[in-house]
PDB file of N, CA and C in Angstrom:
ATOM      1  N   MET A   1      -4.342 -16.384  -4.246  1.00  0.00           N
ATOM      2  CA  MET A   1      -3.425 -15.971  -5.146  1.00  0.00           C
ATOM      3  C   MET A   1      -3.156 -14.468  -4.868  1.00  0.00           C
ATOM      4  N   THR A   2      -1.983 -14.062  -4.971  1.00  0.00           N
ATOM      5  CA  THR A   2      -1.542 -12.694  -4.828  1.00  0.00           C
ATOM      6  C   THR A   2      -1.727 -11.989  -6.251  1.00  0.00           C
ATOM      7  N   ILE A   3      -1.583 -10.674  -6.130  1.00  0.00           N
ATOM      8  CA  ILE A   3      -1.773  -9.836  -7.267  1.00  0.00           C
ATOM      9  C   ILE A   3      -0.641 -10.084  -8.226  1.00  0.00           C
ATOM     10  N   GLU A   4       0.577 -10.280  -7.510  1.00  0.00           N
ATOM     11  CA  GLU A   4       1.815 -10.524  -8.340  1.00  0.00           C
ATOM     12  C   GLU A   4       1.679 -11.965  -9.146  1.00  0.00           C
ATOM     13  N   GLN A   5       1.173 -12.895  -8.512  1.00  0.00           N
ATOM     14  CA  GLN A   5       1.032 -14.174  -9.143  1.00  0.00           C
ATOM     15  C   GLN A   5       0.015 -14.155 -10.250  1.00  0.00           C
ATOM     16  N   HIS A   6      -1.027 -13.420 -10.034  1.00  0.00           N
ATOM     17  CA  HIS A   6      -2.066 -13.272 -11.097  1.00  0.00           C
ATOM     18  C   HIS A   6      -1.391 -12.443 -12.200  1.00  0.00           C
ATOM     19  N   ILE A   7      -0.613 -11.485 -12.083  1.00  0.00           N
ATOM     20  CA  ILE A   7       0.007 -10.764 -13.090  1.00  0.00           C
ATOM     21  C   ILE A   7       0.953 -11.633 -13.834  1.00  0.00           C
ATOM     22  N   GLU A   8       1.717 -12.605 -13.220  1.00  0.00           N
ATOM     23  CA  GLU A   8       2.615 -13.353 -13.927  1.00  0.00           C
ATOM     24  C   GLU A   8       1.869 -14.485 -14.669  1.00  0.00           C
ATOM     25  N   GLU A   9       0.791 -14.931 -14.203  1.00  0.00           N
ATOM     26  CA  GLU A   9      -0.089 -15.976 -14.886  1.00  0.00           C
ATOM     27  C   GLU A   9      -0.626 -15.273 -16.153  1.00  0.00           C
ATOM     28  N   LEU A  10      -1.074 -14.011 -16.078  1.00  0.00           N
ATOM     29  CA  LEU A  10      -1.682 -13.235 -17.209  1.00  0.00           C
ATOM     30  C   LEU A  10      -0.557 -13.030 -18.357  1.00  0.00           C
ATOM     31  N   ARG A  11       0.685 -12.709 -17.832  1.00  0.00           N
ATOM     32  CA  ARG A  11       1.771 -12.467 -18.874  1.00  0.00           C
ATOM     33  C   ARG A  11       2.106 -13.880 -19.578  1.00  0.00           C
ATOM     34  N   ALA A  12       2.013 -14.957 -18.863  1.00  0.00           N
ATOM     35  CA  ALA A  12       2.213 -16.192 -19.462  1.00  0.00           C
ATOM     36  C   ALA A  12       1.087 -16.534 -20.488  1.00  0.00           C
ATOM     37  N   GLU A  13      -0.106 -16.313 -20.087  1.00  0.00           N
ATOM     38  CA  GLU A  13      -1.249 -16.480 -20.953  1.00  0.00           C
ATOM     39  C   GLU A  13      -1.069 -15.694 -22.244  1.00  0.00           C
ATOM     40  N   LEU A  14      -0.585 -14.466 -22.108  1.00  0.00           N
ATOM     41  CA  LEU A  14      -0.487 -13.499 -23.242  1.00  0.00           C
ATOM     42  C   LEU A  14       0.648 -13.893 -24.223  1.00  0.00           C
ATOM     43  N   LYS A  15       1.736 -14.626 -23.685  1.00  0.00           N
ATOM     44  CA  LYS A  15       2.722 -15.135 -24.581  1.00  0.00           C
ATOM     45  C   LYS A  15       2.127 -16.237 -25.543  1.00  0.00           C
ATOM     46  N   ASN A  16       1.124 -16.949 -24.952  1.00  0.00           N
ATOM     47  CA  ASN A  16       0.634 -18.031 -25.567  1.00  0.00           C
ATOM     48  C   ASN A  16      -0.656 -17.863 -26.466  1.00  0.00           C
ATOM     49  N   ALA A  17      -1.259 -16.710 -26.337  1.00  0.00           N
ATOM     50  CA  ALA A  17      -2.392 -16.447 -26.916  1.00  0.00           C
ATOM     51  C   ALA A  17      -2.254 -15.947 -28.369  1.00  0.00           C
ATOM     52  N   PHE A  18      -2.964 -16.635 -29.259  1.00  0.00           N
ATOM     53  CA  PHE A  18      -2.845 -16.310 -30.683  1.00  0.00           C
ATOM     54  C   PHE A  18      -4.014 -15.634 -31.306  1.00  0.00           C
ATOM     55  N   ASP A  19      -5.114 -15.723 -30.800  1.00  0.00           N
ATOM     56  CA  ASP A  19      -6.406 -15.174 -31.094  1.00  0.00           C
ATOM     57  C   ASP A  19      -6.317 -13.648 -30.792  1.00  0.00           C
ATOM     58  N   ALA A  20      -6.587 -12.726 -31.724  1.00  0.00           N
ATOM     59  CA  ALA A  20      -6.609 -11.433 -31.424  1.00  0.00           C
ATOM     60  C   ALA A  20      -7.622 -10.962 -30.201  1.00  0.00           C
ATOM     61  N   THR A  21      -8.772 -11.612 -30.280  1.00  0.00           N
ATOM     62  CA  THR A  21      -9.729 -11.200 -29.285  1.00  0.00           C
ATOM     63  C   THR A  21      -9.285 -11.646 -27.946  1.00  0.00           C
ATOM     64  N   GLU A  22      -8.635 -12.753 -27.867  1.00  0.00           N
ATOM     65  CA  GLU A  22      -8.238 -13.320 -26.573  1.00  0.00           C
ATOM     66  C   GLU A  22      -7.106 -12.486 -26.069  1.00  0.00           C
ATOM     67  N   ARG A  23      -6.186 -12.098 -26.967  1.00  0.00           N
ATOM     68  CA  ARG A  23      -4.986 -11.376 -26.560  1.00  0.00           C
ATOM     69  C   ARG A  23      -5.544 -10.037 -25.964  1.00  0.00           C
ATOM     70  N   ARG A  24      -6.483  -9.438 -26.592  1.00  0.00           N
ATOM     71  CA  ARG A  24      -6.905  -8.241 -26.135  1.00  0.00           C
ATOM     72  C   ARG A  24      -7.572  -8.242 -24.776  1.00  0.00           C
ATOM     73  N   GLN A  25      -8.331  -9.217 -24.535  1.00  0.00           N
ATOM     74  CA  GLN A  25      -8.993  -9.566 -23.239  1.00  0.00           C
ATOM     75  C   GLN A  25      -7.985  -9.685 -22.099  1.00  0.00           C
ATOM     76  N   ILE A  26      -6.897 -10.358 -22.388  1.00  0.00           N
ATOM     77  CA  ILE A  26      -5.891 -10.680 -21.500  1.00  0.00           C
ATOM     78  C   ILE A  26      -5.101  -9.394 -21.179  1.00  0.00           C
ATOM     79  N   GLU A  27      -4.825  -8.591 -22.364  1.00  0.00           N
ATOM     80  CA  GLU A  27      -4.183  -7.460 -22.140  1.00  0.00           C
ATOM     81  C   GLU A  27      -5.024  -6.382 -21.125  1.00  0.00           C
ATOM     82  N   VAL A  28      -6.122  -6.392 -21.367  1.00  0.00           N
ATOM     83  CA  VAL A  28      -7.086  -5.553 -20.508  1.00  0.00           C
ATOM     84  C   VAL A  28      -7.027  -5.997 -19.068  1.00  0.00           C
ATOM     85  N   GLU A  29      -7.167  -7.334 -18.834  1.00  0.00           N
ATOM     86  CA  GLU A  29      -7.120  -7.877 -17.553  1.00  0.00           C
ATOM     87  C   GLU A  29      -5.709  -7.478 -16.745  1.00  0.00           C
ATOM     88  N   LEU A  30      -4.755  -7.676 -17.691  1.00  0.00           N
ATOM     89  CA  LEU A  30      -3.310  -7.478 -17.237  1.00  0.00           C
ATOM     90  C   LEU A  30      -3.160  -5.967 -16.811  1.00  0.00           C
ATOM     91  N   GLU A  31      -3.640  -5.153 -17.670  1.00  0.00           N
ATOM     92  CA  GLU A  31      -3.683  -3.641 -17.254  1.00  0.00           C
ATOM     93  C   GLU A  31      -4.320  -3.379 -15.931  1.00  0.00           C
ATOM     94  N   LEU A  32      -5.514  -4.007 -15.696  1.00  0.00           N
ATOM     95  CA  LEU A  32      -6.096  -3.741 -14.552  1.00  0.00           C
ATOM     96  C   LEU A  32      -5.469  -4.409 -13.248  1.00  0.00           C
ATOM     97  N   ALA A  33      -4.951  -5.448 -13.527  1.00  0.00           N
ATOM     98  CA  ALA A  33      -4.226  -6.187 -12.329  1.00  0.00           C
ATOM     99  C   ALA A  33      -3.041  -5.331 -11.990  1.00  0.00           C
ATOM    100  N   GLU A  34      -2.320  -4.780 -13.029  1.00  0.00           N
ATOM    101  CA  GLU A  34      -1.039  -3.976 -12.769  1.00  0.00           C
ATOM    102  C   GLU A  34      -1.583  -2.715 -12.127  1.00  0.00           C
ATOM    103  N   ALA A  35      -2.700  -2.122 -12.413  1.00  0.00           N
ATOM    104  CA  ALA A  35      -3.059  -0.888 -11.718  1.00  0.00           C
ATOM    105  C   ALA A  35      -3.453  -1.145 -10.183  1.00  0.00           C
ATOM    106  N   ASP A  36      -4.090  -2.281 -10.137  1.00  0.00           N
ATOM    107  CA  ASP A  36      -4.454  -2.762  -8.706  1.00  0.00           C
ATOM    108  C   ASP A  36      -3.213  -2.848  -7.846  1.00  0.00           C
ATOM    109  N   LEU A  37      -2.099  -3.477  -8.529  1.00  0.00           N
ATOM    110  CA  LEU A  37      -0.926  -3.533  -7.720  1.00  0.00           C
ATOM    111  C   LEU A  37      -0.183  -2.185  -7.457  1.00  0.00           C
ATOM    112  N   MET A  38      -0.245  -1.328  -8.336  1.00  0.00           N
ATOM    113  CA  MET A  38       0.287   0.018  -8.036  1.00  0.00           C
ATOM    114  C   MET A  38      -0.452   0.724  -7.002  1.00  0.00           C
ATOM    115  N   VAL A  39      -1.810   0.548  -6.916  1.00  0.00           N
ATOM    116  CA  VAL A  39      -2.661   1.110  -5.768  1.00  0.00           C
ATOM    117  C   VAL A  39      -2.366   0.521  -4.563  1.00  0.00           C
ATOM    118  N   ALA A  40      -2.199  -0.736  -4.488  1.00  0.00           N
ATOM    119  CA  ALA A  40      -1.943  -1.483  -3.275  1.00  0.00           C
ATOM    120  C   ALA A  40      -0.562  -1.124  -2.740  1.00  0.00           C
ATOM    121  N   LEU A  41       0.525  -0.943  -3.635  1.00  0.00           N
ATOM    122  CA  LEU A  41       1.796  -0.500  -3.160  1.00  0.00           C
ATOM    123  C   LEU A  41       1.798   0.982  -2.672  1.00  0.00           C
ATOM    124  N   ALA A  42       1.004   1.727  -3.459  1.00  0.00           N
ATOM    125  CA  ALA A  42       0.880   3.201  -2.957  1.00  0.00           C
ATOM    126  C   ALA A  42       0.254   3.310  -1.651  1.00  0.00           C
ATOM    127  N   GLU A  43      -0.678   2.528  -1.401  1.00  0.00           N
ATOM    128  CA  GLU A  43      -1.281   2.446  -0.072  1.00  0.00           C
ATOM    129  C   GLU A  43      -0.467   1.976   1.101  1.00  0.00           C
ATOM    130  N   GLN A  44       0.308   0.865   0.872  1.00  0.00           N
ATOM    131  CA  GLN A  44       1.438   0.554   1.745  1.00  0.00           C
ATOM    132  C   GLN A  44       2.481   1.555   2.040  1.00  0.00           C
ATOM    133  N   GLU A  45       2.841   2.312   1.049  1.00  0.00           N
ATOM    134  CA  GLU A  45       3.904   3.418   1.152  1.00  0.00           C
ATOM    135  C   GLU A  45       3.243   4.621   1.960  1.00  0.00           C
ATOM    136  N   GLY A  46       1.920   4.645   1.945  1.00  0.00           N
ATOM    137  CA  GLY A  46       1.254   5.871   2.400  1.00  0.00           C
ATOM    138  C   GLY A  46       1.206   7.108   1.558  1.00  0.00           C
ATOM    139  N   THR A  47       1.619   6.787   0.241  1.00  0.00           N
ATOM    140  CA  THR A  47       1.485   7.836  -0.741  1.00  0.00           C
ATOM    141  C   THR A  47       0.052   7.957  -1.403  1.00  0.00           C
ATOM    142  N   LEU A  48      -0.860   7.117  -1.043  1.00  0.00           N
ATOM    143  CA  LEU A  48      -2.217   7.273  -1.444  1.00  0.00           C
ATOM    144  C   LEU A  48      -3.116   6.800  -0.450  1.00  0.00           C
ATOM    145  N   GLU A  49      -4.179   7.564  -0.256  1.00  0.00           N
ATOM    146  CA  GLU A  49      -5.251   7.235   0.707  1.00  0.00           C
ATOM    147  C   GLU A  49      -6.378   6.636   0.041  1.00  0.00           C
ATOM    148  N   ALA A  50      -6.880   5.487   0.435  1.00  0.00           N
ATOM    149  CA  ALA A  50      -7.958   4.740  -0.328  1.00  0.00           C
ATOM    150  C   ALA A  50      -9.248   5.492   0.042  1.00  0.00           C
ATOM    151  N   GLU A  51      -9.476   6.329   0.933  1.00  0.00           N
ATOM    152  CA  GLU A  51     -10.654   6.962   1.396  1.00  0.00           C
ATOM    153  C   GLU A  51     -10.885   8.182   0.449  1.00  0.00           C
ATOM    154  N   PRO A  52     -12.220   8.233   0.208  1.00  0.00           N
ATOM    155  CA  PRO A  52     -12.632   9.408  -0.723  1.00  0.00           C
ATOM    156  C   PRO A  52     -12.345  10.732  -0.017  1.00  0.00           C
ATOM    157  N   PRO A  53     -11.975  11.913  -0.675  1.00  0.00           N
ATOM    158  CA  PRO A  53     -11.739  13.074  -0.023  1.00  0.00           C
ATOM    159  C   PRO A  53     -12.900  13.864   0.634  1.00  0.00           C
ATOM    160  N   PHE A  54     -14.142  13.244   0.525  1.00  0.00           N
ATOM    161  CA  PHE A  54     -15.198  13.990   1.129  1.00  0.00           C
ATOM    162  C   PHE A  54     -15.794  13.228   2.374  1.00  0.00           C
TER     163      PHE A  54
END
C-alpha cells in the first residue's frame, strides 16, 4: 500500500468514526502519514536530505 492510499483510507475512516477517542487516534495517524508523505516528496525533489547533518 502506498502512503497516498493509506492517507485516503484514513480519511474515509475518519468520516465514519463517531467515537471521539477513535476519531483522535485516526487524526493522529493521518497527521503522521501526511508528514511522511511530505518528507518523501521533499526527498524526491531534493529539497530535503534524509541523512543527519553530522
